Amino acid sequence: MAPTTRRNSVLAKKIATLRLKLAPLVPLPSGPPHPSFPKTLMAFHLLSEDELDSIAHYYHQSTPGPWSNHYPANMNWDKEFLAREAAQNSPRIHSRRLSQEENEFLSDLMKTVEDLQHPMVPSQPEGQESGNGRNQYAGLSDKDRIRIKRRKVGKFIGLLGMETPAEEIAGRIQASLERAIERSREDLRRNEEVMLRRRKMA
């Protein structure tokens, strides 16, 4: 078979796959499918971030309610983790490098997380952080955030190959711990300021 014929055959198969029709999912307890619910695999890959957010909300995944866990799958939609940069906590806590003790704690936790499915935090040598001083999952790029949202919606509507990568689970745990450490330090700083003011007033 000539290379051109082979390429055309592969392309024809990809186009046929993208034309596959998707069965619409109705919301609970009743109602029509979401207006942007993709009719084909191609339409699924073309969903915008606003449409993905709207679908997650429509099917009670980003706004938990009594029907959230009654669907065949759950998106596990973490609003804080998947928030757009401008929509994240304001005022924003400044980023900083973790102390050696905090890094050791997180490293030990990551080793425990490996038991989930043997990951390490993706594409970085152990103990290193991304260039902005944060783990890559603590501040997702637009591309990564949309990719994760698309995968969550895909898994929810029953598409194959949309499982959560184990390294993402590890990264989310690390990002959550880093946020918790930042908040506890901020609370400690505020408490110290209050105590200092009280001493001055006494």
C-alpha atoms as a PDB file:
ATOM      1  CA  MET A   1       0.000   0.000   0.000  1.00  0.00           C
ATOM      2  CA  ALA A   2       1.425   3.413  -1.000  1.00  0.00           C
ATOM      3  CA  PRO A   3       2.193   5.921   1.817  1.00  0.00           C
ATOM      4  CA  THR A   4      -0.412   8.377   0.456  1.00  0.00           C
ATOM      5  CA  THR A   5      -3.100   5.676   0.390  1.00  0.00           C
ATOM      6  CA  ARG A   6      -2.159   4.630   3.943  1.00  0.00           C
ATOM      7  CA  ARG A   7      -2.360   8.244   5.176  1.00  0.00           C
ATOM      8  CA  ASN A   8      -5.750   8.692   3.498  1.00  0.00           C
ATOM      9  CA  SER A   9      -6.993   5.493   5.123  1.00  0.00           C
ATOM     10  CA  VAL A  10      -5.857   6.647   8.587  1.00  0.00           C
ATOM     11  CA  LEU A  11      -7.452  10.064   8.034  1.00  0.00           C
ATOM     12  CA  ALA A  12     -10.723   8.451   6.896  1.00  0.00           C
ATOM     13  CA  LYS A  13     -10.789   6.339  10.091  1.00  0.00           C
ATOM     14  CA  LYS A  14     -10.166   9.412  12.277  1.00  0.00           C
ATOM     15  CA  ILE A  15     -12.943  11.334  10.538  1.00  0.00           C
ATOM     16  CA  ALA A  16     -15.298   8.356  10.947  1.00  0.00           C
ATOM     17  CA  THR A  17     -14.435   8.216  14.665  1.00  0.00           C
ATOM     18  CA  LEU A  18     -15.088  11.945  15.125  1.00  0.00           C
ATOM     19  CA  ARG A  19     -18.483  11.514  13.442  1.00  0.00           C
ATOM     20  CA  LEU A  20     -19.599   8.967  16.046  1.00  0.00           C
ATOM     21  CA  LYS A  21     -22.916  10.041  17.536  1.00  0.00           C
ATOM     22  CA  LEU A  22     -23.198  10.491  21.307  1.00  0.00           C
ATOM     23  CA  ALA A  23     -26.342   9.584  23.229  1.00  0.00           C
ATOM     24  CA  PRO A  24     -27.736  12.642  25.027  1.00  0.00           C
ATOM     25  CA  LEU A  25     -27.823  12.626  28.819  1.00  0.00           C
ATOM     26  CA  VAL A  26     -30.913  14.024  30.534  1.00  0.00           C
ATOM     27  CA  PRO A  27     -30.607  15.843  33.866  1.00  0.00           C
ATOM     28  CA  LEU A  28     -32.155  14.497  37.046  1.00  0.00           C
ATOM     29  CA  PRO A  29     -34.951  14.496  38.041  1.00  0.00           C
ATOM     30  CA  SER A  30     -36.137  15.409  34.511  1.00  0.00           C
ATOM     31  CA  GLY A  31     -35.646  17.837  31.667  1.00  0.00           C
ATOM     32  CA  PRO A  32     -34.041  18.094  28.243  1.00  0.00           C
ATOM     33  CA  PRO A  33     -30.315  17.476  27.673  1.00  0.00           C
ATOM     34  CA  HIS A  34     -28.066  20.514  28.078  1.00  0.00           C
ATOM     35  CA  PRO A  35     -28.358  22.773  24.975  1.00  0.00           C
ATOM     36  CA  SER A  36     -24.603  22.362  24.330  1.00  0.00           C
ATOM     37  CA  PHE A  37     -24.550  18.616  24.946  1.00  0.00           C
ATOM     38  CA  PRO A  38     -22.333  17.307  22.121  1.00  0.00           C
ATOM     39  CA  LYS A  39     -24.107  15.308  19.431  1.00  0.00           C
ATOM     40  CA  THR A  40     -20.868  13.840  18.048  1.00  0.00           C
ATOM     41  CA  LEU A  41     -17.348  13.115  19.266  1.00  0.00           C
ATOM     42  CA  MET A  42     -16.137  16.046  17.158  1.00  0.00           C
ATOM     43  CA  ALA A  43     -18.606  18.386  18.903  1.00  0.00           C
ATOM     44  CA  PHE A  44     -17.326  17.125  22.266  1.00  0.00           C
ATOM     45  CA  HIS A  45     -13.739  18.080  21.353  1.00  0.00           C
ATOM     46  CA  LEU A  46     -14.939  21.533  20.257  1.00  0.00           C
ATOM     47  CA  LEU A  47     -16.745  22.427  23.522  1.00  0.00           C
ATOM     48  CA  SER A  48     -15.566  25.744  24.941  1.00  0.00           C
ATOM     49  CA  GLU A  49     -14.601  26.207  28.599  1.00  0.00           C
ATOM     50  CA  ASP A  50     -17.839  28.123  29.235  1.00  0.00           C
ATOM     51  CA  GLU A  51     -19.825  25.231  27.758  1.00  0.00           C
ATOM     52  CA  LEU A  52     -17.911  22.675  29.862  1.00  0.00           C
ATOM     53  CA  ASP A  53     -18.584  24.763  33.001  1.00  0.00           C
ATOM     54  CA  SER A  54     -22.253  25.091  32.060  1.00  0.00           C
ATOM     55  CA  ILE A  55     -22.613  21.327  31.472  1.00  0.00           C
ATOM     56  CA  ALA A  56     -20.995  20.572  34.852  1.00  0.00           C
ATOM     57  CA  HIS A  57     -23.452  22.958  36.526  1.00  0.00           C
ATOM     58  CA  TYR A  58     -26.496  21.696  34.584  1.00  0.00           C
ATOM     59  CA  TYR A  59     -25.884  18.104  35.674  1.00  0.00           C
ATOM     60  CA  HIS A  60     -25.332  19.100  39.341  1.00  0.00           C
ATOM     61  CA  GLN A  61     -21.595  18.391  39.342  1.00  0.00           C
ATOM     62  CA  SER A  62     -20.042  21.815  40.019  1.00  0.00           C
ATOM     63  CA  THR A  63     -22.963  22.842  42.233  1.00  0.00           C
ATOM     64  CA  PRO A  64     -23.656  19.803  44.440  1.00  0.00           C
ATOM     65  CA  GLY A  65     -27.246  19.024  45.269  1.00  0.00           C
ATOM     66  CA  PRO A  66     -29.530  16.073  46.004  1.00  0.00           C
ATOM     67  CA  TRP A  67     -29.090  14.661  42.463  1.00  0.00           C
ATOM     68  CA  SER A  68     -25.306  14.996  42.152  1.00  0.00           C
ATOM     69  CA  ASN A  69     -24.462  11.389  43.065  1.00  0.00           C
ATOM     70  CA  HIS A  70     -27.373   9.738  41.231  1.00  0.00           C
ATOM     71  CA  TYR A  71     -25.780   9.865  37.773  1.00  0.00           C
ATOM     72  CA  PRO A  72     -23.900   6.838  36.373  1.00  0.00           C
ATOM     73  CA  ALA A  73     -20.617   8.729  36.890  1.00  0.00           C
ATOM     74  CA  ASN A  74     -19.443  11.652  39.000  1.00  0.00           C
ATOM     75  CA  MET A  75     -17.212  14.468  37.726  1.00  0.00           C
ATOM     76  CA  ASN A  76     -15.568  15.143  41.123  1.00  0.00           C
ATOM     77  CA  TRP A  77     -15.585  18.800  40.087  1.00  0.00           C
ATOM     78  CA  ASP A  78     -13.303  20.747  42.432  1.00  0.00           C
ATOM     79  CA  LYS A  79     -14.320  24.393  41.958  1.00  0.00           C
ATOM     80  CA  GLU A  80     -11.247  25.815  43.657  1.00  0.00           C
ATOM     81  CA  PHE A  81      -8.835  23.568  41.764  1.00  0.00           C
ATOM     82  CA  LEU A  82     -10.533  24.282  38.408  1.00  0.00           C
ATOM     83  CA  ALA A  83     -11.158  27.995  38.963  1.00  0.00           C
ATOM     84  CA  ARG A  84      -9.946  30.425  36.336  1.00  0.00           C
ATOM     85  CA  GLU A  85      -7.062  32.611  37.478  1.00  0.00           C
ATOM     86  CA  ALA A  86      -9.175  35.796  37.800  1.00  0.00           C
ATOM     87  CA  ALA A  87     -11.883  33.937  39.704  1.00  0.00           C
ATOM     88  CA  GLN A  88      -9.565  32.460  42.316  1.00  0.00           C
ATOM     89  CA  ASN A  89      -9.385  33.676  45.912  1.00  0.00           C
ATOM     90  CA  SER A  90      -9.052  37.409  46.248  1.00  0.00           C
ATOM     91  CA  PRO A  91      -6.961  38.949  47.704  1.00  0.00           C
ATOM     92  CA  ARG A  92      -4.571  36.309  46.398  1.00  0.00           C
ATOM     93  CA  ILE A  93      -2.071  34.892  48.848  1.00  0.00           C
ATOM     94  CA  HIS A  94       1.390  35.458  47.459  1.00  0.00           C
ATOM     95  CA  SER A  95       3.264  32.428  46.211  1.00  0.00           C
ATOM     96  CA  ARG A  96       6.338  31.317  48.081  1.00  0.00           C
ATOM     97  CA  ARG A  97       8.696  28.388  48.169  1.00  0.00           C
ATOM     98  CA  LEU A  98       7.855  25.762  50.758  1.00  0.00           C
ATOM     99  CA  SER A  99      10.227  25.263  53.681  1.00  0.00           C
ATOM    100  CA  GLN A 100      12.442  22.179  53.816  1.00  0.00           C
ATOM    101  CA  GLU A 101      10.193  20.691  56.508  1.00  0.00           C
ATOM    102  CA  GLU A 102       7.046  21.283  54.414  1.00  0.00           C
ATOM    103  CA  ASN A 103       8.740  19.810  51.336  1.00  0.00           C
ATOM    104  CA  GLU A 104       9.721  16.689  53.297  1.00  0.00           C
ATOM    105  CA  PHE A 105       6.155  16.323  54.562  1.00  0.00           C
ATOM    106  CA  LEU A 106       4.793  16.634  51.009  1.00  0.00           C
ATOM    107  CA  SER A 107       7.408  14.199  49.661  1.00  0.00           C
ATOM    108  CA  ASP A 108       6.367  11.615  52.272  1.00  0.00           C
ATOM    109  CA  LEU A 109       2.729  12.167  51.346  1.00  0.00           C
ATOM    110  CA  MET A 110       3.540  11.738  47.649  1.00  0.00           C
ATOM    111  CA  LYS A 111       5.179   8.392  48.422  1.00  0.00           C
ATOM    112  CA  THR A 112       1.936   7.352  50.108  1.00  0.00           C
ATOM    113  CA  VAL A 113      -0.058   8.582  47.114  1.00  0.00           C
ATOM    114  CA  GLU A 114       2.092   6.369  44.864  1.00  0.00           C
ATOM    115  CA  ASP A 115       0.081   3.465  46.247  1.00  0.00           C
ATOM    116  CA  LEU A 116      -2.955   4.850  44.427  1.00  0.00           C
ATOM    117  CA  GLN A 117      -1.304   4.104  41.080  1.00  0.00           C
ATOM    118  CA  HIS A 118       2.452   4.629  41.404  1.00  0.00           C
ATOM    119  CA  PRO A 119       2.793   8.248  40.221  1.00  0.00           C
ATOM    120  CA  MET A 120       5.164  11.021  41.119  1.00  0.00           C
ATOM    121  CA  VAL A 121       4.133  14.629  40.488  1.00  0.00           C
ATOM    122  CA  PRO A 122       4.382  14.924  36.672  1.00  0.00           C
ATOM    123  CA  SER A 123       7.374  15.913  34.576  1.00  0.00           C
ATOM    124  CA  GLN A 124       9.501  17.430  37.337  1.00  0.00           C
ATOM    125  CA  PRO A 125      12.418  15.954  39.236  1.00  0.00           C
ATOM    126  CA  GLU A 126      11.463  15.122  42.816  1.00  0.00           C
ATOM    127  CA  GLY A 127      11.734  18.115  45.158  1.00  0.00           C
ATOM    128  CA  GLN A 128      11.628  20.693  42.353  1.00  0.00           C
ATOM    129  CA  GLU A 129       8.853  23.132  41.699  1.00  0.00           C
ATOM    130  CA  SER A 130       7.826  24.891  38.529  1.00  0.00           C
ATOM    131  CA  GLY A 131       9.511  28.176  37.584  1.00  0.00           C
ATOM    132  CA  ASN A 132       7.002  30.336  39.462  1.00  0.00           C
ATOM    133  CA  GLY A 133       7.794  28.531  42.741  1.00  0.00           C
ATOM    134  CA  ARG A 134       4.628  26.447  42.746  1.00  0.00           C
ATOM    135  CA  ASN A 135       3.668  22.916  41.845  1.00  0.00           C
ATOM    136  CA  GLN A 136       2.131  22.916  38.358  1.00  0.00           C
ATOM    137  CA  TYR A 137      -1.262  21.822  39.739  1.00  0.00           C
ATOM    138  CA  ALA A 138      -1.401  24.775  42.153  1.00  0.00           C
ATOM    139  CA  GLY A 139      -1.920  27.182  39.254  1.00  0.00           C
ATOM    140  CA  LEU A 140      -3.164  25.410  36.136  1.00  0.00           C
ATOM    141  CA  SER A 141      -2.507  26.919  32.723  1.00  0.00           C
ATOM    142  CA  ASP A 142      -5.621  27.649  30.663  1.00  0.00           C
ATOM    143  CA  LYS A 143      -4.807  24.679  28.406  1.00  0.00           C
ATOM    144  CA  ASP A 144      -4.366  22.237  31.318  1.00  0.00           C
ATOM    145  CA  ARG A 145      -7.474  23.492  33.124  1.00  0.00           C
ATOM    146  CA  ILE A 146      -9.664  23.085  30.012  1.00  0.00           C
ATOM    147  CA  ARG A 147      -8.109  19.675  29.269  1.00  0.00           C
ATOM    148  CA  ILE A 148      -9.017  18.464  32.787  1.00  0.00           C
ATOM    149  CA  LYS A 149     -12.555  19.872  32.533  1.00  0.00           C
ATOM    150  CA  ARG A 150     -13.020  18.217  29.120  1.00  0.00           C
ATOM    151  CA  ARG A 151     -11.787  14.889  30.502  1.00  0.00           C
ATOM    152  CA  LYS A 152     -14.173  15.138  33.487  1.00  0.00           C
ATOM    153  CA  VAL A 153     -17.154  15.871  31.230  1.00  0.00           C
ATOM    154  CA  GLY A 154     -16.061  13.080  28.851  1.00  0.00           C
ATOM    155  CA  LYS A 155     -15.900  10.527  31.650  1.00  0.00           C
ATOM    156  CA  PHE A 156     -19.274  11.729  32.948  1.00  0.00           C
ATOM    157  CA  ILE A 157     -20.995  11.196  29.577  1.00  0.00           C
ATOM    158  CA  GLY A 158     -19.409   7.752  29.154  1.00  0.00           C
ATOM    159  CA  LEU A 159     -16.481   8.276  26.773  1.00  0.00           C
ATOM    160  CA  LEU A 160     -13.584   5.809  26.971  1.00  0.00           C
ATOM    161  CA  GLY A 161     -10.028   6.850  27.825  1.00  0.00           C
ATOM    162  CA  MET A 162     -11.101   9.676  30.159  1.00  0.00           C
ATOM    163  CA  GLU A 163      -9.818   8.190  33.431  1.00  0.00           C
ATOM    164  CA  THR A 164      -8.114  10.534  35.909  1.00  0.00           C
ATOM    165  CA  PRO A 165      -4.311  10.209  35.596  1.00  0.00           C
ATOM    166  CA  ALA A 166      -2.802   9.153  38.920  1.00  0.00           C
ATOM    167  CA  GLU A 167      -0.238  11.981  38.755  1.00  0.00           C
ATOM    168  CA  GLU A 168      -3.117  14.474  38.622  1.00  0.00           C
ATOM    169  CA  ILE A 169      -4.513  12.983  41.838  1.00  0.00           C
ATOM    170  CA  ALA A 170      -1.094  13.353  43.461  1.00  0.00           C
ATOM    171  CA  GLY A 171      -0.755  16.892  42.136  1.00  0.00           C
ATOM    172  CA  ARG A 172      -4.179  17.886  43.421  1.00  0.00           C
ATOM    173  CA  ILE A 173      -3.366  16.546  46.882  1.00  0.00           C
ATOM    174  CA  GLN A 174      -0.090  18.456  46.886  1.00  0.00           C
ATOM    175  CA  ALA A 175      -1.753  21.656  45.639  1.00  0.00           C
ATOM    176  CA  SER A 176      -4.456  21.367  48.335  1.00  0.00           C
ATOM    177  CA  LEU A 177      -1.833  20.870  51.032  1.00  0.00           C
ATOM    178  CA  GLU A 178       0.159  23.853  49.803  1.00  0.00           C
ATOM    179  CA  ARG A 179      -2.996  26.001  49.936  1.00  0.00           C
ATOM    180  CA  ALA A 180      -3.751  24.727  53.447  1.00  0.00           C
ATOM    181  CA  ILE A 181      -0.200  25.543  54.582  1.00  0.00           C
ATOM    182  CA  GLU A 182      -0.492  29.052  53.099  1.00  0.00           C
ATOM    183  CA  ARG A 183      -3.813  29.615  54.873  1.00  0.00           C
ATOM    184  CA  SER A 184      -2.572  28.342  58.216  1.00  0.00           C
ATOM    185  CA  ARG A 185       0.484  30.618  57.968  1.00  0.00           C
ATOM    186  CA  GLU A 186      -1.797  33.545  57.105  1.00  0.00           C
ATOM    187  CA  ASP A 187      -4.060  32.736  60.087  1.00  0.00           C
ATOM    188  CA  LEU A 188      -1.027  32.505  62.361  1.00  0.00           C
ATOM    189  CA  ARG A 189       0.239  35.877  61.113  1.00  0.00           C
ATOM    190  CA  ARG A 190      -3.181  37.486  61.753  1.00  0.00           C
ATOM    191  CA  ASN A 191      -3.374  35.971  65.256  1.00  0.00           C
ATOM    192  CA  GLU A 192       0.102  37.301  66.049  1.00  0.00           C
ATOM    193  CA  GLU A 193      -0.954  40.783  64.895  1.00  0.00           C
ATOM    194  CA  VAL A 194      -4.080  40.649  67.105  1.00  0.00           C
ATOM    195  CA  MET A 195      -2.040  39.531  70.129  1.00  0.00           C
ATOM    196  CA  LEU A 196       0.510  42.300  69.496  1.00  0.00           C
ATOM    197  CA  ARG A 197      -2.270  44.924  69.345  1.00  0.00           C
ATOM    198  CA  ARG A 198      -3.782  43.633  72.585  1.00  0.00           C
ATOM    199  CA  ARG A 199      -0.429  43.824  74.335  1.00  0.00           C
ATOM    200  CA  LYS A 200       0.015  47.421  73.188  1.00  0.00           C
ATOM    201  CA  MET A 201      -3.468  48.336  74.440  1.00  0.00           C
ATOM    202  CA  ALA A 202      -2.893  46.672  77.854  1.00  0.00           C
END
